[in-house]
Every structure is written in structure tokens, then in C-alpha cells.
């Protein structure tokens, strides 16, 4: 990645900047997260790459928050087979 790309991705919140001197340095965790997504999406139009990474990271964040909320939930309702048939009936 070029320095302008790194700075842009920091500005968009995709990479986490490490405070220090003027050189753009990023956290290893945020870089690893982005590299995984980049490998998954493969080659793409350079102008669309940032948008696709942002979308993928937001999707993962939403999924993780939903899984965390589900893990903390104790308010479950149990349905039997007959109940499900009634719920699914048009």
C-alpha cells in the first residue's frame, strides 16, 4: 500500500493509526484484519477496494455484535413442532 492509501484508510477508520512521528504507522491488529478481507475479496478495481473492505468489516462487526447479544440473552422462547407449524402457516 502506498502512504496516501494508508492515510486514506486511516481517515476512513479501516486502519488504526499508531501515534508517533509523521510517518503513517498502523496497528498490527487493524492491518491483519484488513489483509484477511483483502485476501477474501481478491483482485478488484482499485477505486472499489476501500468500499468493499469497509462493507466487509461492517458486516463482520454487525455479525459479532449480534452473536454477542445472543450469547447474553436469557429470554428464549421454546417452540415445539406443532407450534412452529402454526407460526409458519400462511
N, C-alpha and C. Protein backbone atom coordinates (compact mmCIF):
# COMPACT_ATOMS: atom_id res chain seq x y z
N UNK A 1 0.83 -1.17 0.00
CA UNK A 1 0.00 0.00 0.00
C UNK A 1 0.87 1.24 0.00
N UNK A 2 0.40 2.23 -0.68
CA UNK A 2 1.14 3.49 -0.70
C UNK A 2 0.80 4.30 0.55
N UNK A 3 1.65 5.26 0.87
CA UNK A 3 1.41 6.11 2.02
C UNK A 3 0.09 6.86 1.91
N UNK A 4 -0.26 7.43 0.74
CA UNK A 4 -1.58 8.09 0.63
C UNK A 4 -2.75 7.12 0.88
N UNK A 5 -2.60 5.87 0.42
CA UNK A 5 -3.65 4.87 0.67
C UNK A 5 -3.78 4.59 2.15
N UNK A 6 -2.65 4.41 2.82
CA UNK A 6 -2.67 4.16 4.26
C UNK A 6 -3.33 5.31 4.99
N UNK A 7 -2.97 6.52 4.65
CA UNK A 7 -3.56 7.70 5.31
C UNK A 7 -5.06 7.78 5.03
N UNK A 8 -5.46 7.49 3.81
CA UNK A 8 -6.89 7.50 3.46
C UNK A 8 -7.65 6.45 4.26
N UNK A 9 -7.09 5.25 4.36
CA UNK A 9 -7.76 4.17 5.07
C UNK A 9 -7.81 4.44 6.58
N UNK A 10 -6.81 5.13 7.09
CA UNK A 10 -6.85 5.58 8.49
C UNK A 10 -7.99 6.58 8.65
N UNK A 11 -8.08 7.51 7.72
CA UNK A 11 -9.14 8.52 7.77
C UNK A 11 -10.54 7.93 7.71
N UNK A 12 -10.68 6.81 7.01
CA UNK A 12 -11.98 6.15 6.90
C UNK A 12 -12.23 5.17 8.05
N UNK A 13 -11.28 5.04 8.96
CA UNK A 13 -11.45 4.17 10.11
C UNK A 13 -11.19 2.70 9.85
N UNK A 14 -10.64 2.39 8.68
CA UNK A 14 -10.36 1.00 8.34
C UNK A 14 -9.09 0.53 9.04
N UNK A 15 -8.10 1.37 9.09
CA UNK A 15 -6.85 1.08 9.79
C UNK A 15 -6.75 1.98 11.02
N UNK A 16 -6.17 1.44 12.08
CA UNK A 16 -5.98 2.21 13.31
C UNK A 16 -4.56 2.77 13.34
N UNK A 17 -4.47 4.09 13.44
CA UNK A 17 -3.15 4.75 13.46
C UNK A 17 -2.47 4.53 14.80
N UNK A 18 -1.15 4.42 14.75
CA UNK A 18 -0.33 4.36 15.95
C UNK A 18 0.29 5.73 16.11
N UNK A 19 0.04 6.38 17.24
CA UNK A 19 0.59 7.73 17.43
C UNK A 19 2.11 7.70 17.40
N UNK A 20 2.66 8.75 16.88
CA UNK A 20 4.12 8.85 16.81
C UNK A 20 4.52 9.95 15.87
N UNK A 21 5.69 9.77 15.28
CA UNK A 21 6.18 10.80 14.36
C UNK A 21 5.33 10.83 13.09
N UNK A 22 5.66 11.66 12.14
CA UNK A 22 4.84 11.94 10.97
C UNK A 22 4.58 10.77 10.04
N UNK A 23 5.32 9.70 10.16
CA UNK A 23 5.11 8.56 9.27
C UNK A 23 3.83 7.84 9.68
N UNK A 24 3.04 7.46 8.70
CA UNK A 24 1.78 6.76 8.99
C UNK A 24 2.09 5.34 9.42
N UNK A 25 1.86 5.06 10.70
CA UNK A 25 2.04 3.71 11.21
C UNK A 25 0.68 3.22 11.69
N UNK A 26 0.42 1.93 11.50
CA UNK A 26 -0.87 1.37 11.87
C UNK A 26 -0.68 0.19 12.82
N UNK A 27 -1.75 -0.12 13.56
CA UNK A 27 -1.67 -1.24 14.49
C UNK A 27 -1.64 -2.55 13.73
N UNK A 28 -0.94 -3.51 14.28
CA UNK A 28 -0.84 -4.83 13.65
C UNK A 28 -2.21 -5.49 13.58
N UNK A 29 -3.05 -5.28 14.58
CA UNK A 29 -4.38 -5.89 14.60
C UNK A 29 -5.24 -5.37 13.46
N UNK A 30 -5.26 -4.04 13.28
CA UNK A 30 -6.09 -3.49 12.21
C UNK A 30 -5.55 -3.89 10.84
N UNK A 31 -4.24 -3.96 10.70
CA UNK A 31 -3.64 -4.37 9.43
C UNK A 31 -3.98 -5.83 9.12
N UNK A 32 -3.89 -6.69 10.12
CA UNK A 32 -4.21 -8.11 9.92
C UNK A 32 -5.66 -8.28 9.51
N UNK A 33 -6.56 -7.53 10.16
CA UNK A 33 -8.00 -7.59 9.83
C UNK A 33 -8.23 -7.20 8.38
N UNK A 34 -7.57 -6.15 7.93
CA UNK A 34 -7.72 -5.68 6.55
C UNK A 34 -7.11 -6.68 5.56
N UNK A 35 -5.96 -7.23 5.89
CA UNK A 35 -5.33 -8.19 4.98
C UNK A 35 -6.18 -9.43 4.77
N UNK A 36 -6.85 -9.89 5.83
CA UNK A 36 -7.75 -11.04 5.69
C UNK A 36 -8.87 -10.71 4.71
N UNK A 37 -9.46 -9.55 4.84
CA UNK A 37 -10.55 -9.14 3.95
C UNK A 37 -10.04 -8.98 2.53
N UNK A 38 -8.88 -8.38 2.36
CA UNK A 38 -8.32 -8.19 1.02
C UNK A 38 -8.07 -9.53 0.33
N UNK A 39 -7.59 -10.51 1.09
CA UNK A 39 -7.38 -11.84 0.51
C UNK A 39 -8.71 -12.46 0.08
N UNK A 40 -9.74 -12.26 0.89
CA UNK A 40 -11.05 -12.85 0.59
C UNK A 40 -11.70 -12.22 -0.65
N UNK A 41 -11.58 -10.90 -0.78
CA UNK A 41 -12.24 -10.25 -1.92
C UNK A 41 -11.42 -10.37 -3.19
N UNK A 42 -10.14 -10.69 -3.05
CA UNK A 42 -9.29 -10.87 -4.23
C UNK A 42 -9.06 -9.57 -4.96
N UNK A 43 -8.70 -9.71 -6.21
CA UNK A 43 -8.43 -8.52 -7.03
C UNK A 43 -9.74 -7.81 -7.33
N UNK A 44 -9.67 -6.52 -7.31
CA UNK A 44 -10.85 -5.69 -7.53
C UNK A 44 -10.39 -4.39 -8.16
N UNK A 45 -11.33 -3.63 -8.63
CA UNK A 45 -10.98 -2.31 -9.15
C UNK A 45 -10.40 -1.50 -7.99
N UNK A 46 -9.25 -0.87 -8.19
CA UNK A 46 -8.64 -0.12 -7.09
C UNK A 46 -9.57 0.89 -6.44
N UNK A 47 -10.42 1.53 -7.20
CA UNK A 47 -11.33 2.52 -6.63
C UNK A 47 -12.42 1.91 -5.77
N UNK A 48 -12.72 0.63 -5.96
CA UNK A 48 -13.77 -0.06 -5.20
C UNK A 48 -13.22 -0.83 -4.00
N UNK A 49 -11.94 -1.01 -3.95
CA UNK A 49 -11.35 -1.84 -2.90
C UNK A 49 -11.67 -1.31 -1.51
N UNK A 50 -11.51 -0.01 -1.29
CA UNK A 50 -11.78 0.57 0.02
C UNK A 50 -13.24 0.36 0.41
N UNK A 51 -14.15 0.61 -0.51
CA UNK A 51 -15.57 0.45 -0.22
C UNK A 51 -15.90 -1.00 0.15
N UNK A 52 -15.32 -1.93 -0.56
CA UNK A 52 -15.58 -3.35 -0.28
C UNK A 52 -15.00 -3.76 1.07
N UNK A 53 -13.82 -3.25 1.41
CA UNK A 53 -13.23 -3.56 2.72
C UNK A 53 -14.09 -2.97 3.83
N UNK A 54 -14.51 -1.73 3.67
CA UNK A 54 -15.37 -1.09 4.68
C UNK A 54 -16.64 -1.91 4.86
N UNK A 55 -17.30 -2.30 3.77
CA UNK A 55 -18.52 -3.10 3.85
C UNK A 55 -18.28 -4.42 4.57
N UNK A 56 -17.21 -5.10 4.22
CA UNK A 56 -16.91 -6.40 4.83
C UNK A 56 -16.65 -6.25 6.33
N UNK A 57 -15.91 -5.22 6.72
CA UNK A 57 -15.61 -5.03 8.13
C UNK A 57 -16.86 -4.65 8.91
N UNK A 58 -17.74 -3.85 8.31
CA UNK A 58 -19.01 -3.50 8.98
C UNK A 58 -19.88 -4.74 9.14
N UNK A 59 -19.94 -5.58 8.10
CA UNK A 59 -20.72 -6.82 8.18
C UNK A 59 -20.20 -7.71 9.30
N UNK A 60 -18.89 -7.84 9.40
CA UNK A 60 -18.31 -8.68 10.44
C UNK A 60 -18.58 -8.11 11.83
N UNK A 61 -18.53 -6.77 11.93
CA UNK A 61 -18.81 -6.13 13.21
C UNK A 61 -20.26 -6.36 13.62
N UNK A 62 -21.18 -6.20 12.67
CA UNK A 62 -22.59 -6.43 12.97
C UNK A 62 -22.85 -7.88 13.36
N UNK A 63 -22.24 -8.82 12.65
CA UNK A 63 -22.40 -10.23 12.98
C UNK A 63 -21.85 -10.52 14.37
N UNK A 64 -20.70 -9.98 14.69
CA UNK A 64 -20.11 -10.21 16.01
C UNK A 64 -20.98 -9.63 17.11
N UNK A 65 -21.53 -8.43 16.89
CA UNK A 65 -22.40 -7.83 17.91
C UNK A 65 -23.68 -8.64 18.08
N UNK A 66 -24.23 -9.17 16.99
CA UNK A 66 -25.43 -10.00 17.08
C UNK A 66 -25.13 -11.29 17.84
N UNK A 67 -23.98 -11.90 17.55
CA UNK A 67 -23.60 -13.13 18.26
C UNK A 67 -23.37 -12.85 19.74
N UNK A 68 -22.76 -11.72 20.07
CA UNK A 68 -22.54 -11.36 21.47
C UNK A 68 -23.87 -11.13 22.18
N UNK A 69 -24.79 -10.44 21.52
CA UNK A 69 -26.11 -10.19 22.12
C UNK A 69 -26.86 -11.49 22.34
N UNK A 70 -26.78 -12.40 21.37
CA UNK A 70 -27.44 -13.69 21.51
C UNK A 70 -26.84 -14.48 22.67
N UNK A 71 -25.54 -14.43 22.81
CA UNK A 71 -24.87 -15.16 23.90
C UNK A 71 -25.28 -14.63 25.27
N UNK A 72 -25.62 -13.35 25.34
CA UNK A 72 -26.00 -12.73 26.61
C UNK A 72 -27.50 -12.85 26.89
N UNK A 73 -28.27 -13.26 25.91
CA UNK A 73 -29.72 -13.31 26.05
C UNK A 73 -30.15 -14.53 26.84
N UNK A 74 -31.04 -14.30 27.79
CA UNK A 74 -31.61 -15.41 28.56
C UNK A 74 -33.11 -15.50 28.31
N UNK A 75 -33.62 -14.64 27.46
CA UNK A 75 -35.06 -14.56 27.20
C UNK A 75 -35.41 -15.34 25.94
N UNK A 76 -35.32 -16.67 26.04
CA UNK A 76 -35.63 -17.52 24.90
C UNK A 76 -37.04 -18.07 25.03
N UNK A 77 -37.67 -18.28 23.91
CA UNK A 77 -38.98 -18.92 23.88
C UNK A 77 -38.81 -20.23 23.14
N UNK A 78 -39.29 -21.30 23.74
CA UNK A 78 -39.17 -22.60 23.09
C UNK A 78 -40.46 -22.92 22.37
N UNK A 79 -40.31 -23.45 21.17
CA UNK A 79 -41.45 -23.86 20.36
C UNK A 79 -41.32 -25.34 20.07
N UNK A 80 -42.44 -26.02 20.09
CA UNK A 80 -42.48 -27.41 19.67
C UNK A 80 -42.80 -27.46 18.18
N UNK A 81 -42.78 -28.67 17.61
CA UNK A 81 -43.07 -28.83 16.18
C UNK A 81 -44.45 -28.30 15.82
N UNK A 82 -45.46 -28.58 16.67
CA UNK A 82 -46.82 -28.12 16.38
C UNK A 82 -46.89 -26.59 16.39
N UNK A 83 -46.19 -25.97 17.34
CA UNK A 83 -46.17 -24.51 17.43
C UNK A 83 -45.56 -23.91 16.17
N UNK A 84 -44.48 -24.50 15.69
CA UNK A 84 -43.81 -23.99 14.50
C UNK A 84 -44.71 -24.10 13.27
N UNK A 85 -45.44 -25.19 13.18
CA UNK A 85 -46.35 -25.34 12.03
C UNK A 85 -47.40 -24.23 12.05
N UNK A 86 -47.91 -23.91 13.25
CA UNK A 86 -48.90 -22.81 13.36
C UNK A 86 -48.28 -21.48 12.98
N UNK A 87 -47.04 -21.24 13.39
CA UNK A 87 -46.38 -19.97 13.07
C UNK A 87 -46.08 -19.85 11.58
N UNK A 88 -45.77 -20.96 10.93
CA UNK A 88 -45.39 -20.93 9.51
C UNK A 88 -46.58 -21.04 8.57
N UNK A 89 -47.75 -21.33 9.10
CA UNK A 89 -48.93 -21.46 8.26
C UNK A 89 -49.31 -20.10 7.68
N UNK A 90 -49.55 -20.03 6.35
CA UNK A 90 -49.88 -18.73 5.71
C UNK A 90 -51.21 -18.17 6.16
